[in-house]
C-alpha atoms as a PDB file:
ATOM      1  CA  MET A   1      28.070   3.781 -14.256  1.00  0.00           C
ATOM      2  CA  ASN A   2      29.513   0.565 -13.396  1.00  0.00           C
ATOM      3  CA  ASP A   3      27.216  -2.590 -13.730  1.00  0.00           C
ATOM      4  CA  ASN A   4      27.397  -3.113  -9.804  1.00  0.00           C
ATOM      5  CA  PHE A   5      25.499   0.120  -9.245  1.00  0.00           C
ATOM      6  CA  ARG A   6      22.788  -0.734 -11.624  1.00  0.00           C
ATOM      7  CA  GLU A   7      21.898  -3.421 -10.624  1.00  0.00           C
ATOM      8  CA  ARG A   8      21.538  -1.712  -7.236  1.00  0.00           C
ATOM      9  CA  LEU A   9      19.484   0.879  -8.619  1.00  0.00           C
ATOM     10  CA  SER A  10      17.434  -1.769 -10.831  1.00  0.00           C
ATOM     11  CA  GLU A  11      16.246  -3.586  -7.069  1.00  0.00           C
ATOM     12  CA  LEU A  12      15.621   0.137  -5.979  1.00  0.00           C
ATOM     13  CA  PRO A  13      11.953  -0.194  -6.522  1.00  0.00           C
ATOM     14  CA  ASP A  14      11.188  -3.559  -5.412  1.00  0.00           C
ATOM     15  CA  TYR A  15      13.154  -2.155  -1.887  1.00  0.00           C
ATOM     16  CA  LEU A  16      10.990   1.166  -2.048  1.00  0.00           C
ATOM     17  CA  ALA A  17       7.987  -0.734  -2.295  1.00  0.00           C
ATOM     18  CA  GLY A  18       8.656  -2.265   0.397  1.00  0.00           C
ATOM     19  CA  HIS A  19       8.161   0.430   2.803  1.00  0.00           C
ATOM     20  CA  LEU A  20       5.172   1.871   1.364  1.00  0.00           C
ATOM     21  CA  THR A  21       2.748   0.561   3.111  1.00  0.00           C
ATOM     22  CA  PRO A  22       4.182   1.646   6.810  1.00  0.00           C
ATOM     23  CA  ILE A  23       4.685   5.106   5.647  1.00  0.00           C
ATOM     24  CA  SER A  24       1.676   5.189   3.998  1.00  0.00           C
ATOM     25  CA  ALA A  25       0.010   4.152   7.832  1.00  0.00           C
ATOM     26  CA  LEU A  26       2.034   6.748   9.262  1.00  0.00           C
ATOM     27  CA  ILE A  27       0.848   9.520   7.215  1.00  0.00           C
ATOM     28  CA  LEU A  28      -2.904   7.848   7.523  1.00  0.00           C
ATOM     29  CA  GLY A  29      -2.657   7.983  11.159  1.00  0.00           C
ATOM     30  CA  ILE A  30      -0.920  11.877  11.680  1.00  0.00           C
ATOM     31  CA  ALA A  31      -3.500  12.950   9.522  1.00  0.00           C
ATOM     32  CA  ILE A  32      -6.099  11.472  11.576  1.00  0.00           C
ATOM     33  CA  SER A  33      -4.835  11.764  14.687  1.00  0.00           C
ATOM     34  CA  ILE A  34      -4.220  16.095  14.639  1.00  0.00           C
ATOM     35  CA  PRO A  35      -7.350  16.963  13.863  1.00  0.00           C
ATOM     36  CA  LEU A  36      -9.221  14.609  16.166  1.00  0.00           C
ATOM     37  CA  GLY A  37      -6.699  15.727  19.166  1.00  0.00           C
ATOM     38  CA  VAL A  38      -7.224  19.767  18.505  1.00  0.00           C
ATOM     39  CA  LEU A  39     -11.118  18.830  17.939  1.00  0.00           C
ATOM     40  CA  ALA A  40     -11.010  16.664  21.341  1.00  0.00           C
ATOM     41  CA  SER A  41      -9.254  19.721  23.062  1.00  0.00           C
ATOM     42  CA  HIS A  42     -11.475  22.319  21.596  1.00  0.00           C
ATOM     43  CA  SER A  43     -14.805  20.669  22.300  1.00  0.00           C
ATOM     44  CA  GLU A  44     -15.912  18.962  25.619  1.00  0.00           C
ATOM     45  CA  ARG A  45     -18.550  16.951  23.611  1.00  0.00           C
ATOM     46  CA  ALA A  46     -16.159  15.286  21.261  1.00  0.00           C
ATOM     47  CA  ARG A  47     -13.021  15.007  23.760  1.00  0.00           C
ATOM     48  CA  GLY A  48     -15.164  11.306  25.724  1.00  0.00           C
ATOM     49  CA  PRO A  49     -15.953  10.014  22.260  1.00  0.00           C
ATOM     50  CA  VAL A  50     -12.036  10.671  20.901  1.00  0.00           C
ATOM     51  CA  LEU A  51     -10.313   9.715  23.805  1.00  0.00           C
ATOM     52  CA  ALA A  52     -12.684   6.413  24.148  1.00  0.00           C
ATOM     53  CA  VAL A  53     -12.019   5.304  20.480  1.00  0.00           C
ATOM     54  CA  ALA A  54      -7.672   6.391  21.079  1.00  0.00           C
ATOM     55  CA  SER A  55      -7.970   4.382  24.067  1.00  0.00           C
ATOM     56  CA  LEU A  56      -9.863   0.807  22.074  1.00  0.00           C
ATOM     57  CA  VAL A  57      -7.198   1.344  19.342  1.00  0.00           C
ATOM     58  CA  GLN A  58      -4.103   2.171  21.574  1.00  0.00           C
ATOM     59  CA  THR A  59      -5.319  -1.310  23.823  1.00  0.00           C
ATOM     60  CA  LYS A  60      -5.451  -3.104  20.865  1.00  0.00           C
ATOM     61  CA  HIS A  61      -2.314  -2.600  19.421  1.00  0.00           C
ATOM     62  CA  GLY A  62      -0.702  -2.852  22.723  1.00  0.00           C
ATOM     63  CA  GLY A  63      -2.264  -6.562  22.864  1.00  0.00           C
ATOM     64  CA  ARG A  64      -0.277  -7.353  19.397  1.00  0.00           C
ATOM     65  CA  LEU A  65       2.789  -6.024  20.772  1.00  0.00           C
ATOM     66  CA  CYS A  66       2.761  -8.175  23.762  1.00  0.00           C
ATOM     67  CA  ARG A  67       2.223 -11.387  21.855  1.00  0.00           C
ATOM     68  CA  LEU A  68       4.415 -10.441  19.296  1.00  0.00           C
ATOM     69  CA  HIS A  69       7.272 -10.241  22.116  1.00  0.00           C
ATOM     70  CA  GLY A  70       5.933 -13.758  23.666  1.00  0.00           C
ATOM     71  CA  HIS A  71       4.234 -12.400  26.529  1.00  0.00           C
ATOM     72  CA  ASP A  72       1.271 -14.407  27.695  1.00  0.00           C
ATOM     73  CA  LEU A  73      -1.618 -11.865  28.505  1.00  0.00           C
ATOM     74  CA  ASP A  74      -3.521 -14.225  30.815  1.00  0.00           C
ATOM     75  CA  ASP A  75      -0.560 -14.639  33.312  1.00  0.00           C
ATOM     76  CA  ASP A  76      -0.878 -12.411  36.334  1.00  0.00           C
ATOM     77  CA  HIS A  77       2.965 -12.293  36.502  1.00  0.00           C
ATOM     78  CA  GLY A  78       3.468 -10.936  32.786  1.00  0.00           C
ATOM     79  CA  ALA A  79       5.917 -13.836  32.332  1.00  0.00           C
ATOM     80  CA  ARG A  80       6.949 -15.132  28.531  1.00  0.00           C
ATOM     81  CA  THR A  81       4.920 -18.150  27.566  1.00  0.00           C
ATOM     82  CA  GLY A  82       8.002 -20.048  27.611  1.00  0.00           C
ATOM     83  CA  ASP A  83       9.409 -19.054  30.570  1.00  0.00           C
ATOM     84  CA  ARG A  84       6.490 -20.619  32.843  1.00  0.00           C
ATOM     85  CA  ALA A  85       9.147 -22.251  34.544  1.00  0.00           C
ATOM     86  CA  HIS A  86      10.421 -19.216  36.544  1.00  0.00           C
ATOM     87  CA  SER A  87       7.074 -17.553  37.382  1.00  0.00           C
ATOM     88  CA  HIS A  88       5.617 -17.396  40.577  1.00  0.00           C
ATOM     89  CA  VAL A  89       2.754 -19.311  39.630  1.00  0.00           C
ATOM     90  CA  ASN A  90       3.538 -23.121  38.879  1.00  0.00           C
END
């Protein structure tokens, strides 16, 4: 093995550690959502609460994504925060 390969190999654990949180969140989300989806499809009694919680979670994360991309959620026209001059409303 050459020195460059050894150096890159020694950096690998640090790079992998940065990916553990998103991967664990994805696995946890799948582990929770699939059984709840099956439960909601088979039980009318559970369907309402499961869909209500799913709706709240999607709304919360959708709002975060809008703010992340610079959209002002209070603007009726969906203008970007910095583009108010180009909006229909002054």
